[in-house]
Amino acid sequence: MSDVASPCVKICVIDTRTGWCVGCGRTGAEIGAWLTMSDDAKRALGAALPARLKAMTSRATRGRPR
């Protein structure tokens, strides 16, 4: 069993522009491969997810009044 927890937050919707899940930031391929990925690969992917989610959030709120 892996020591790296899945980043899934049960909001499984793929953004059509980026190809990333709006809940966790992974691609469909990354989600499908999660169980067979090494822990090092999972950690590397996990490190990239906050920036992906921030990029999607920034794009979604661009132009809206704050």
Protein backbone atom coordinates (compact mmCIF):
# COMPACT_ATOMS: atom_id res chain seq x y z
CA MET A 1 0.00 0.00 0.00
CA SER A 2 1.16 3.53 -0.77
CA ASP A 3 2.16 6.05 1.87
CA VAL A 4 0.96 8.91 -0.37
CA ALA A 5 -2.70 9.85 0.01
CA SER A 6 -4.80 10.52 -3.04
CA PRO A 7 -5.50 14.21 -3.67
CA CYS A 8 -9.07 13.37 -4.72
CA VAL A 9 -11.70 15.60 -3.06
CA LYS A 10 -14.69 13.91 -4.74
CA ILE A 11 -15.30 16.80 -7.16
CA CYS A 12 -14.57 14.96 -10.39
CA VAL A 13 -15.11 17.41 -13.24
CA ILE A 14 -12.52 17.90 -15.97
CA ASP A 15 -11.93 21.50 -17.09
CA THR A 16 -12.20 21.50 -20.89
CA ARG A 17 -9.51 24.15 -21.39
CA THR A 18 -6.79 22.65 -19.22
CA GLY A 19 -7.75 18.98 -19.07
CA TRP A 20 -7.35 19.13 -15.28
CA CYS A 21 -9.89 18.01 -12.68
CA VAL A 22 -11.37 21.08 -10.98
CA GLY A 23 -11.32 19.22 -7.65
CA CYS A 24 -7.79 17.86 -7.46
CA GLY A 25 -5.95 19.29 -10.48
CA ARG A 26 -4.98 15.96 -12.04
CA THR A 27 -5.59 14.96 -15.66
CA GLY A 28 -7.80 12.00 -16.45
CA ALA A 29 -4.70 9.98 -17.31
CA GLU A 30 -3.06 10.90 -14.00
CA ILE A 31 -6.21 9.94 -12.10
CA GLY A 32 -6.32 6.58 -13.89
CA ALA A 33 -2.63 5.91 -13.30
CA TRP A 34 -2.62 6.91 -9.62
CA LEU A 35 -2.82 3.35 -8.25
CA THR A 36 0.16 2.17 -10.30
CA MET A 37 2.38 5.24 -9.82
CA SER A 38 5.40 5.06 -7.55
CA ASP A 39 5.28 7.07 -4.33
CA ASP A 40 7.97 9.39 -5.74
CA ALA A 41 5.85 10.02 -8.85
CA LYS A 42 2.78 10.67 -6.67
CA ARG A 43 4.72 13.17 -4.55
CA ALA A 44 6.05 14.94 -7.65
CA LEU A 45 2.57 15.16 -9.12
CA GLY A 46 1.16 16.31 -5.78
CA ALA A 47 3.70 19.14 -5.71
CA ALA A 48 2.40 20.42 -9.08
CA LEU A 49 -1.29 20.36 -8.17
CA PRO A 50 -1.55 23.57 -6.09
CA ALA A 51 -0.21 25.64 -8.98
CA ARG A 52 -2.62 23.99 -11.41
CA LEU A 53 -5.59 24.66 -9.15
CA LYS A 54 -4.46 28.25 -8.60
CA ALA A 55 -4.13 28.77 -12.36
CA MET A 56 -7.68 27.49 -12.92
CA THR A 57 -9.04 29.66 -10.09
CA SER A 58 -7.19 32.74 -11.34
CA ARG A 59 -8.54 32.26 -14.84
CA ALA A 60 -12.08 31.68 -13.57
CA THR A 61 -12.13 34.86 -11.46
CA ARG A 62 -10.32 37.10 -13.94
CA GLY A 63 -12.47 40.08 -14.87
CA ARG A 64 -14.91 39.64 -11.99
CA PRO A 65 -15.35 42.43 -9.46
CA ARG A 66 -13.79 41.69 -6.07
